[in-house]
Protein backbone atom coordinates (compact mmCIF):
# COMPACT_ATOMS: atom_id res chain seq x y z
CA MET A 1 -58.21 70.58 -27.47
CA VAL A 2 -55.27 72.82 -28.78
CA ALA A 3 -57.21 75.29 -30.49
CA PRO A 4 -58.97 76.94 -27.35
CA VAL A 5 -55.46 76.72 -25.47
CA VAL A 6 -53.60 78.76 -28.17
CA LEU A 7 -56.60 81.25 -28.02
CA LEU A 8 -56.36 81.66 -24.50
CA SER A 9 -52.45 82.34 -24.78
CA VAL A 10 -53.39 85.06 -27.76
CA SER A 11 -56.22 86.73 -25.37
CA GLY A 12 -53.58 86.62 -22.67
CA LEU A 13 -50.55 88.76 -24.90
CA MET A 14 -53.12 90.98 -26.51
CA THR A 15 -54.95 91.88 -22.91
CA ASN A 16 -51.31 92.57 -21.89
CA GLY A 17 -50.27 95.31 -24.79
CA LEU A 18 -54.30 96.70 -24.64
CA LEU A 19 -53.41 97.17 -20.65
CA THR A 20 -50.56 99.05 -21.34
CA VAL A 21 -51.96 101.19 -23.58
CA TYR A 22 -54.80 101.57 -21.29
CA SER A 23 -52.43 103.21 -18.97
CA ALA A 24 -50.45 105.21 -21.25
CA ILE A 25 -53.85 106.49 -22.51
CA ASN A 26 -54.45 107.21 -18.75
CA ASP A 27 -51.50 109.38 -17.62
CA ARG A 28 -51.45 111.43 -20.50
CA MET A 29 -55.01 112.15 -19.55
CA ARG A 30 -53.52 112.89 -16.03
CA ASP A 31 -50.68 115.16 -17.45
CA MET A 32 -52.98 117.16 -19.19
CA THR A 33 -55.51 117.26 -16.59
CA ARG A 34 -52.43 118.95 -14.51
CA GLU A 35 -51.36 121.02 -17.04
CA ARG A 36 -54.47 122.67 -17.38
CA LEU A 37 -54.82 122.99 -13.56
CA GLU A 38 -50.88 124.79 -13.48
CA ILE A 39 -52.18 127.02 -16.50
CA ARG A 40 -55.35 128.16 -14.27
CA ARG A 41 -53.42 128.92 -11.05
CA GLY A 42 -52.36 131.91 -10.05
CA PRO A 43 -49.45 132.65 -7.91
CA ALA A 44 -51.50 132.58 -4.46
CA GLY A 45 -53.13 129.46 -5.34
CA GLN A 46 -56.40 131.16 -6.47
CA VAL A 47 -57.94 129.86 -10.12
CA LEU A 48 -57.14 132.47 -12.59
CA ASP A 49 -60.25 133.88 -14.69
CA ALA A 50 -59.95 133.85 -18.49
CA ASP A 51 -58.66 137.64 -18.75
CA SER A 52 -55.78 136.51 -16.10
CA ILE A 53 -54.31 134.17 -18.82
CA PRO A 54 -52.07 134.69 -21.68
CA PRO A 55 -52.80 134.16 -24.87
CA ILE A 56 -50.59 130.95 -25.67
CA GLU A 57 -52.07 129.55 -22.32
CA THR A 58 -55.59 130.25 -23.55
CA GLU A 59 -54.64 128.68 -26.76
CA ARG A 60 -53.26 125.14 -24.54
CA LEU A 61 -55.78 125.02 -22.80
CA TYR A 62 -58.77 125.22 -26.00
CA GLN A 63 -56.59 122.08 -27.12
CA ILE A 64 -56.56 120.11 -23.80
CA GLY A 65 -60.54 121.30 -24.37
CA VAL A 66 -60.58 119.67 -27.43
CA GLN A 67 -57.68 116.85 -26.99
CA LEU A 68 -59.56 115.33 -23.40
CA PRO A 69 -62.81 114.32 -24.91
CA MET A 70 -61.12 112.14 -27.78
CA LEU A 71 -58.57 110.62 -25.15
CA ILE A 72 -61.81 109.46 -22.77
CA ARG A 73 -63.60 108.03 -26.17
CA ARG A 74 -60.32 106.40 -26.73
CA HIS A 75 -60.13 105.18 -23.17
CA LYS A 76 -63.35 103.93 -23.05
CA LEU A 77 -62.48 101.90 -26.04
CA THR A 78 -59.75 100.08 -25.37
CA ARG A 79 -61.50 99.51 -21.81
CA ALA A 80 -64.38 98.24 -23.32
CA SER A 81 -61.97 95.63 -25.44
CA VAL A 82 -60.05 94.76 -22.36
CA LEU A 83 -63.48 93.90 -20.80
CA VAL A 84 -64.94 92.15 -23.55
CA ILE A 85 -61.45 89.92 -23.98
CA TYR A 86 -61.35 88.69 -20.70
CA GLY A 87 -65.01 87.64 -21.20
CA ALA A 88 -63.57 85.74 -24.26
CA ILE A 89 -61.00 84.20 -21.82
CA VAL A 90 -63.62 83.42 -19.06
CA VAL A 91 -65.82 81.36 -22.13
CA LEU A 92 -62.34 79.61 -23.15
CA GLY A 93 -61.71 78.25 -20.26
CA LEU A 94 -64.59 77.21 -19.81
CA SER A 95 -64.33 75.90 -23.03
CA VAL A 96 -61.19 73.29 -21.94
CA ILE A 97 -62.82 72.15 -18.71
CA ALA A 98 -65.58 70.94 -21.18
CA ILE A 99 -63.48 69.24 -23.32
CA GLY A 100 -61.86 67.52 -20.67
CA ILE A 101 -65.13 66.46 -19.49
CA ALA A 102 -66.32 65.20 -23.07
CA VAL A 103 -63.05 63.27 -23.47
CA ALA A 104 -63.04 61.47 -19.83
CA GLN A 105 -66.67 60.79 -20.09
CA ASP A 106 -66.64 60.08 -23.80
CA ASN A 107 -69.89 62.19 -23.94
CA GLU A 108 -70.98 63.80 -27.36
CA LEU A 109 -73.71 66.40 -25.98
CA VAL A 110 -70.92 67.65 -23.71
CA GLY A 111 -68.45 67.49 -26.73
CA ARG A 112 -70.73 69.85 -28.90
CA VAL A 113 -71.41 72.34 -25.62
CA ALA A 114 -67.62 72.54 -25.65
CA LEU A 115 -67.67 73.54 -29.36
CA GLY A 116 -70.23 75.92 -29.15
CA LEU A 117 -68.08 77.48 -26.30
CA VAL A 118 -64.95 77.65 -28.56
CA LEU A 119 -66.94 78.82 -30.95
CA ALA A 120 -68.08 81.44 -28.69
CA GLY A 121 -64.91 82.49 -26.65
CA THR A 122 -63.81 82.86 -30.52
CA VAL A 123 -66.21 85.40 -31.51
CA ILE A 124 -66.19 87.49 -28.19
CA LEU A 125 -62.55 87.50 -29.05
CA LEU A 126 -62.87 88.96 -32.78
CA THR A 127 -65.43 91.61 -31.32
CA GLY A 128 -63.06 92.18 -28.35
CA MET A 129 -60.14 92.46 -31.30
CA GLY A 130 -62.46 95.04 -33.33
CA LEU A 131 -62.80 97.29 -30.69
CA ALA A 132 -58.83 97.33 -30.16
CA ALA A 133 -58.73 98.27 -33.68
CA LEU A 134 -61.32 101.25 -33.51
CA SER A 135 -59.08 102.62 -30.39
CA LEU A 136 -55.97 102.40 -32.51
CA ALA A 137 -58.01 104.07 -35.40
CA LYS A 138 -58.68 106.73 -33.23
CA SER A 139 -55.32 107.19 -31.92
CA ALA A 140 -53.63 109.39 -33.94
CA ASP A 141 -56.85 112.08 -33.46
CA ALA A 142 -55.41 113.90 -30.41
CA ILE A 143 -51.70 113.76 -31.38
CA SER A 144 -52.62 114.90 -35.54
CA TYR A 145 -55.37 117.94 -33.70
CA ALA A 146 -52.63 119.28 -31.39
CA VAL A 147 -49.83 119.01 -34.59
CA GLU A 148 -51.63 120.89 -36.75
CA ARG A 149 -53.38 123.65 -34.03
CA THR A 150 -50.08 124.60 -33.20
CA ASP A 151 -48.84 124.40 -36.73
CA ALA A 152 -51.77 126.81 -37.58
CA LEU A 153 -50.38 129.52 -35.20
CA ARG A 154 -47.33 130.44 -37.03
C-alpha cells in the first residue's frame, strides 16, 4: 500500500513542476509571437513588407522563425509528459483501490490485479519521466541558437 501512495506523491510533484515549465514555454512563445507582430507593424497599424523592415529587425524575425518551432516541439513534449503522468496517477489510484478491496475481501485475484496496476502505473510514470527528460534535453536548443546567432553578428 505504501509504494503506490509514494508513487502518487512523486507523480503529483513532478506534474506540478512540469506544469510550471509548460507555462513558462507557453509564455515565451506568446512573447516571441507578440515581438514578431510588433516588428511587422507599421506606424499606422499596417503590416510592413520585408523591404520596409530594418536589417536588425529582419535578423530578429529570422531568429524568432527558427526558435518558435523548437519551442513548439518542447511545448508538445512537455504536454505529452504531463498527460502520461496523469495517466500514471489514474492507474496508481486504481491500484490503491484494488489493494483496499483485496485486503478487505482477502481476495488473491484482486491482489494480483492490484500488483499489475502498481507495475503498470510505475511503467507509465517512468515513460512520462522519460518524455520530461527529453523535453529538458531540448530546452537549450532555442536559447543556444539565439545566443550563437546573435554572437555571430559581431
